[in-house]
N, C-alpha and C. Protein backbone atom coordinates (compact mmCIF):
# COMPACT_ATOMS: atom_id res chain seq x y z
N MET A 1 -27.79 -65.12 15.23
CA MET A 1 -27.12 -64.23 15.73
C MET A 1 -25.48 -63.75 15.50
N LYS A 2 -24.90 -65.20 14.55
CA LYS A 2 -24.15 -64.64 13.87
C LYS A 2 -24.13 -63.57 12.67
N ASN A 3 -25.39 -63.76 11.71
CA ASN A 3 -25.95 -62.76 10.80
C ASN A 3 -25.70 -61.44 11.53
N GLU A 4 -26.45 -61.27 12.71
CA GLU A 4 -26.69 -59.98 13.23
C GLU A 4 -25.17 -59.29 13.66
N SER A 5 -24.40 -60.36 14.41
CA SER A 5 -23.00 -59.67 14.83
C SER A 5 -22.12 -59.22 13.34
N LYS A 6 -22.32 -59.92 12.13
CA LYS A 6 -21.73 -59.56 11.05
C LYS A 6 -22.33 -58.31 10.48
N GLU A 7 -23.87 -58.09 10.71
CA GLU A 7 -24.63 -56.64 10.02
C GLU A 7 -23.90 -55.51 10.86
N ASP A 8 -23.76 -55.65 12.29
CA ASP A 8 -23.27 -54.88 13.43
C ASP A 8 -21.82 -54.45 12.63
N SER A 9 -21.13 -55.15 13.05
CA SER A 9 -19.53 -55.29 12.39
C SER A 9 -19.21 -54.47 10.89
N ASN A 10 -20.29 -54.83 10.11
CA ASN A 10 -20.22 -54.04 8.56
C ASN A 10 -20.72 -52.66 8.73
N PHE A 11 -21.52 -52.23 9.89
CA PHE A 11 -22.25 -51.05 10.01
C PHE A 11 -21.03 -50.17 10.26
N TRP A 12 -20.13 -50.31 11.52
CA TRP A 12 -19.20 -50.19 11.90
C TRP A 12 -18.00 -49.99 11.49
N ILE A 13 -17.89 -50.85 10.42
CA ILE A 13 -16.63 -50.52 9.18
C ILE A 13 -17.28 -49.58 8.28
N ALA A 14 -18.50 -49.39 7.97
CA ALA A 14 -19.02 -48.18 6.81
C ALA A 14 -18.73 -46.91 7.82
N TYR A 15 -19.19 -46.92 9.05
CA TYR A 15 -19.11 -45.83 9.86
C TYR A 15 -17.98 -45.13 9.82
N ALA A 16 -17.05 -46.11 10.13
CA ALA A 16 -15.57 -45.99 10.13
C ALA A 16 -14.90 -45.09 9.00
N ASP A 17 -15.58 -45.81 7.36
CA ASP A 17 -15.11 -45.32 6.25
C ASP A 17 -15.60 -44.03 6.26
N LEU A 18 -17.21 -43.70 6.29
CA LEU A 18 -17.40 -42.35 6.14
C LEU A 18 -16.84 -41.15 7.30
N MET A 19 -16.17 -41.73 8.41
CA MET A 19 -15.42 -40.42 9.20
C MET A 19 -13.78 -40.56 8.65
N ALA A 20 -13.63 -41.56 7.96
CA ALA A 20 -12.13 -41.43 7.64
C ALA A 20 -12.40 -40.62 6.31
N GLY A 21 -13.17 -40.92 5.75
CA GLY A 21 -13.12 -39.53 4.42
C GLY A 21 -13.82 -38.11 4.68
N LEU A 22 -14.78 -38.28 5.82
CA LEU A 22 -14.60 -36.56 6.25
C LEU A 22 -13.66 -36.06 6.67
N LEU A 23 -12.71 -36.99 7.58
CA LEU A 23 -11.67 -36.55 8.28
C LEU A 23 -10.60 -36.27 6.90
N PHE A 24 -10.36 -37.16 6.06
CA PHE A 24 -9.60 -36.50 4.87
C PHE A 24 -10.29 -35.16 3.86
N VAL A 25 -11.47 -34.94 3.79
CA VAL A 25 -12.08 -33.92 3.32
C VAL A 25 -11.54 -32.34 4.32
N PHE A 26 -11.72 -32.53 5.61
CA PHE A 26 -11.59 -31.58 6.48
C PHE A 26 -9.89 -31.31 6.40
N ILE A 27 -9.20 -32.35 5.99
CA ILE A 27 -7.72 -32.30 6.10
C ILE A 27 -7.46 -31.13 4.23
N LEU A 28 -8.00 -31.81 3.50
CA LEU A 28 -8.04 -31.39 2.12
C LEU A 28 -8.46 -29.51 2.31
N LEU A 29 -9.28 -29.45 3.17
CA LEU A 29 -9.96 -28.05 3.38
C LEU A 29 -9.34 -27.11 4.06
N ILE A 30 -8.33 -27.73 5.42
CA ILE A 30 -7.71 -26.94 6.05
C ILE A 30 -6.41 -26.66 4.91
N GLY A 31 -5.64 -27.78 4.28
CA GLY A 31 -4.94 -27.58 3.33
C GLY A 31 -5.01 -26.14 2.26
N THR A 32 -6.16 -26.04 2.07
CA THR A 32 -6.34 -24.84 0.57
C THR A 32 -6.83 -24.08 1.70
N ILE A 33 -7.03 -23.88 2.88
CA ILE A 33 -7.19 -22.57 3.47
C ILE A 33 -5.60 -21.94 3.93
N VAL A 34 -4.67 -22.69 4.24
CA VAL A 34 -3.04 -22.55 4.34
C VAL A 34 -2.92 -22.36 3.50
N VAL A 35 -3.13 -22.41 2.00
CA VAL A 35 -2.42 -22.44 0.98
C VAL A 35 -2.75 -21.11 0.46
N LYS A 36 -4.30 -20.63 0.81
CA LYS A 36 -4.99 -19.47 0.59
C LYS A 36 -4.16 -18.38 1.51
N TYR A 37 -4.27 -18.76 2.87
CA TYR A 37 -3.53 -17.72 3.66
C TYR A 37 -1.80 -17.35 3.44
N VAL A 38 -1.04 -18.27 2.85
CA VAL A 38 0.16 -18.06 2.55
C VAL A 38 0.24 -16.81 1.32
N LEU A 39 -0.68 -16.91 0.30
CA LEU A 39 -0.56 -16.71 -1.01
C LEU A 39 -1.12 -15.23 -0.59
N THR A 40 -2.28 -15.10 0.14
CA THR A 40 -2.76 -13.64 0.61
C THR A 40 -1.63 -12.82 1.04
N GLN A 41 -0.97 -13.61 2.07
CA GLN A 41 0.39 -12.93 2.88
C GLN A 41 1.23 -12.33 1.92
N SER A 42 1.60 -13.31 1.01
CA SER A 42 2.53 -12.76 -0.01
C SER A 42 2.37 -11.67 -1.22
N ASP A 43 1.17 -11.63 -1.52
CA ASP A 43 0.48 -10.33 -1.39
C ASP A 43 0.65 -9.01 -1.01
N LEU A 44 0.26 -9.62 0.17
CA LEU A 44 -0.05 -8.44 1.22
C LEU A 44 1.14 -7.68 1.13
N LYS A 45 2.62 -8.76 1.35
CA LYS A 45 3.95 -7.87 1.61
C LYS A 45 3.95 -7.13 0.27
N GLU A 46 3.94 -7.76 -0.58
CA GLU A 46 4.11 -7.10 -1.79
C GLU A 46 3.59 -5.92 -2.04
N ILE A 47 2.29 -5.51 -1.58
CA ILE A 47 1.50 -4.29 -1.66
C ILE A 47 2.38 -3.68 -0.89
N LYS A 48 2.55 -3.96 0.61
CA LYS A 48 3.10 -2.93 1.33
C LYS A 48 4.53 -2.14 1.00
N ASP A 49 5.21 -3.31 0.20
CA ASP A 49 6.62 -3.16 -0.39
C ASP A 49 6.23 -1.67 -1.18
N ASN A 50 5.29 -1.87 -2.24
CA ASN A 50 4.99 -1.00 -3.20
C ASN A 50 4.30 0.30 -2.38
N LEU A 51 3.53 0.07 -1.46
CA LEU A 51 2.98 1.48 -0.94
C LEU A 51 4.43 2.07 0.04
N ASN A 52 5.20 1.70 0.24
CA ASN A 52 6.58 2.18 1.22
C ASN A 52 7.16 2.63 0.04
N LYS A 53 7.38 2.37 -0.89
CA LYS A 53 8.22 3.36 -2.15
C LYS A 53 7.57 4.21 -2.57
N GLN A 54 5.97 3.95 -2.96
CA GLN A 54 5.25 5.23 -3.02
C GLN A 54 5.43 6.32 -2.22
N GLU A 55 5.08 5.81 -0.62
CA GLU A 55 5.67 6.99 0.26
C GLU A 55 6.99 7.84 0.24
N ALA A 56 8.46 7.29 -0.20
CA ALA A 56 9.45 7.52 -0.14
C ALA A 56 9.18 8.33 -1.50
N ARG A 57 8.84 7.86 -2.38
CA ARG A 57 8.97 9.14 -3.80
C ARG A 57 7.99 10.16 -3.49
N LEU A 58 6.88 10.16 -2.94
CA LEU A 58 6.18 10.80 -2.32
C LEU A 58 6.63 12.26 -1.11
N GLU A 59 7.46 11.63 -0.37
CA GLU A 59 8.39 12.39 0.39
C GLU A 59 9.21 13.26 -0.32
N GLU A 60 9.58 12.66 -1.43
CA GLU A 60 10.84 13.07 -2.12
C GLU A 60 10.62 14.10 -2.94
N SER A 61 9.28 14.01 -3.49
CA SER A 61 8.74 14.92 -4.41
C SER A 61 8.14 16.21 -3.55
N LYS A 62 7.63 16.28 -2.26
CA LYS A 62 7.57 16.96 -1.20
C LYS A 62 8.33 18.07 -1.08
N GLU A 63 9.55 17.38 -0.90
CA GLU A 63 10.86 18.00 -0.45
C GLU A 63 11.43 18.90 -1.37
N GLU A 64 11.40 18.08 -2.90
CA GLU A 64 11.73 19.07 -3.69
C GLU A 64 11.08 20.28 -4.25
N LEU A 65 9.02 20.08 -4.16
CA LEU A 65 8.51 21.15 -4.01
C LEU A 65 8.66 22.03 -3.28
N ARG A 66 8.80 21.63 -1.80
CA ARG A 66 9.53 22.80 -0.86
C ARG A 66 10.40 23.50 -1.14
N ASN A 67 11.63 23.24 -1.80
CA ASN A 67 12.98 23.23 -2.60
C ASN A 67 12.67 24.64 -3.52
N LYS A 68 11.81 24.34 -4.44
CA LYS A 68 11.36 24.75 -5.47
C LYS A 68 10.53 26.24 -4.96
N GLU A 69 9.64 25.74 -4.05
CA GLU A 69 8.84 27.15 -3.43
C GLU A 69 9.93 28.03 -3.06
N ALA A 70 10.63 27.62 -2.47
CA ALA A 70 11.68 28.55 -1.80
C ALA A 70 12.40 29.33 -2.86
N ILE A 71 12.94 28.85 -3.48
CA ILE A 71 13.62 29.25 -4.95
C ILE A 71 12.36 30.64 -5.37
N VAL A 72 11.31 30.04 -5.74
CA VAL A 72 10.25 30.88 -6.41
C VAL A 72 10.09 32.03 -5.68
N PHE A 73 10.04 31.80 -4.07
CA PHE A 73 9.77 33.42 -2.97
C PHE A 73 10.98 34.08 -3.13
N LYS A 74 12.10 33.56 -3.14
CA LYS A 74 13.46 34.01 -3.00
C LYS A 74 13.58 35.04 -4.67
N LEU A 75 13.04 34.29 -5.65
CA LEU A 75 12.98 35.11 -7.01
C LEU A 75 12.49 36.06 -7.06
N SER A 76 11.00 36.00 -6.33
CA SER A 76 10.13 36.94 -6.63
C SER A 76 10.19 38.14 -5.67
N SER A 77 10.80 37.91 -4.32
CA SER A 77 11.47 39.00 -3.61
C SER A 77 12.18 39.75 -4.43
N ASP A 78 13.48 39.00 -4.96
CA ASP A 78 14.05 39.72 -5.79
C ASP A 78 13.45 40.54 -7.01
N LEU A 79 12.55 40.28 -7.56
CA LEU A 79 11.98 40.62 -8.33
C LEU A 79 11.14 42.20 -8.02
N ASN A 80 10.64 41.88 -6.90
CA ASN A 80 9.95 42.94 -5.75
C ASN A 80 11.07 44.07 -5.82
N ASN A 81 12.01 43.79 -5.09
CA ASN A 81 13.25 44.85 -4.84
C ASN A 81 13.43 45.71 -6.26
N ALA A 82 13.98 44.37 -7.19
CA ALA A 82 14.58 45.09 -8.34
C ALA A 82 13.14 46.20 -8.91
N SER A 83 12.14 45.53 -9.14
CA SER A 83 11.02 46.60 -9.54
C SER A 83 10.90 47.92 -8.33
N SER A 84 10.67 47.64 -6.96
CA SER A 84 10.75 49.19 -6.07
C SER A 84 12.02 49.98 -6.71
N ALA A 85 13.24 49.14 -6.51
CA ALA A 85 14.60 49.99 -6.95
C ALA A 85 13.83 50.90 -8.30
N LEU A 86 13.65 50.05 -9.62
CA LEU A 86 13.33 50.85 -10.93
C LEU A 86 12.31 51.61 -10.37
N ASN A 87 11.59 51.56 -9.89
CA ASN A 87 10.32 52.84 -9.69
C ASN A 87 10.69 53.77 -9.01
N LEU A 88 11.89 53.70 -8.04
CA LEU A 88 12.41 54.62 -7.57
C LEU A 88 13.26 55.76 -7.97
N ALA A 89 14.11 54.79 -9.27
CA ALA A 89 14.86 55.40 -10.22
C ALA A 89 14.23 56.13 -10.86
N ASN A 90 13.23 55.56 -11.58
CA ASN A 90 12.02 56.18 -12.40
C ASN A 90 11.84 57.72 -11.91
N SER A 91 11.33 57.50 -10.62
CA SER A 91 10.86 58.42 -9.86
C SER A 91 11.82 59.83 -9.58
N GLN A 92 13.06 59.29 -9.32
CA GLN A 92 13.86 60.19 -9.60
C GLN A 92 14.58 60.80 -10.71
N LYS A 93 14.53 60.53 -11.71
CA LYS A 93 14.74 60.74 -13.27
C LYS A 93 14.05 61.58 -13.43
N ALA A 94 12.30 61.39 -13.18
CA ALA A 94 11.16 62.19 -13.62
C ALA A 94 11.33 63.56 -12.85
N GLU A 95 11.97 63.72 -11.57
CA GLU A 95 12.25 64.86 -10.48
C GLU A 95 13.49 65.39 -11.31
N LEU A 96 14.55 64.57 -11.50
CA LEU A 96 15.41 65.57 -12.06
C LEU A 96 14.64 66.57 -13.31
N GLU A 97 14.14 65.92 -14.12
CA GLU A 97 13.92 66.17 -15.65
C GLU A 97 12.78 67.03 -15.53
N ALA A 98 11.98 67.07 -14.28
CA ALA A 98 10.91 68.30 -13.91
C ALA A 98 11.50 69.59 -13.53
């Protein structure tokens, strides 16, 4: 009887040791997951910051492009007006010479 009680006691001690080991494995696993999550969040924040900077530069470039397009349109309009005036002057000159 005493021998059987000792075997039961050893079984439960071994069982408790296994459960403690399993708990330790789960704690390590959760710790690893938390660390990976924190690192991923840090990388994500850096990527978002870079994306925001790129978007700001893109908006600046778009605004600069709009300004240059307006300048080109104005210069094109001025050139067309000058060309029309030159054609008119040439036609008037041709009429006077004829």
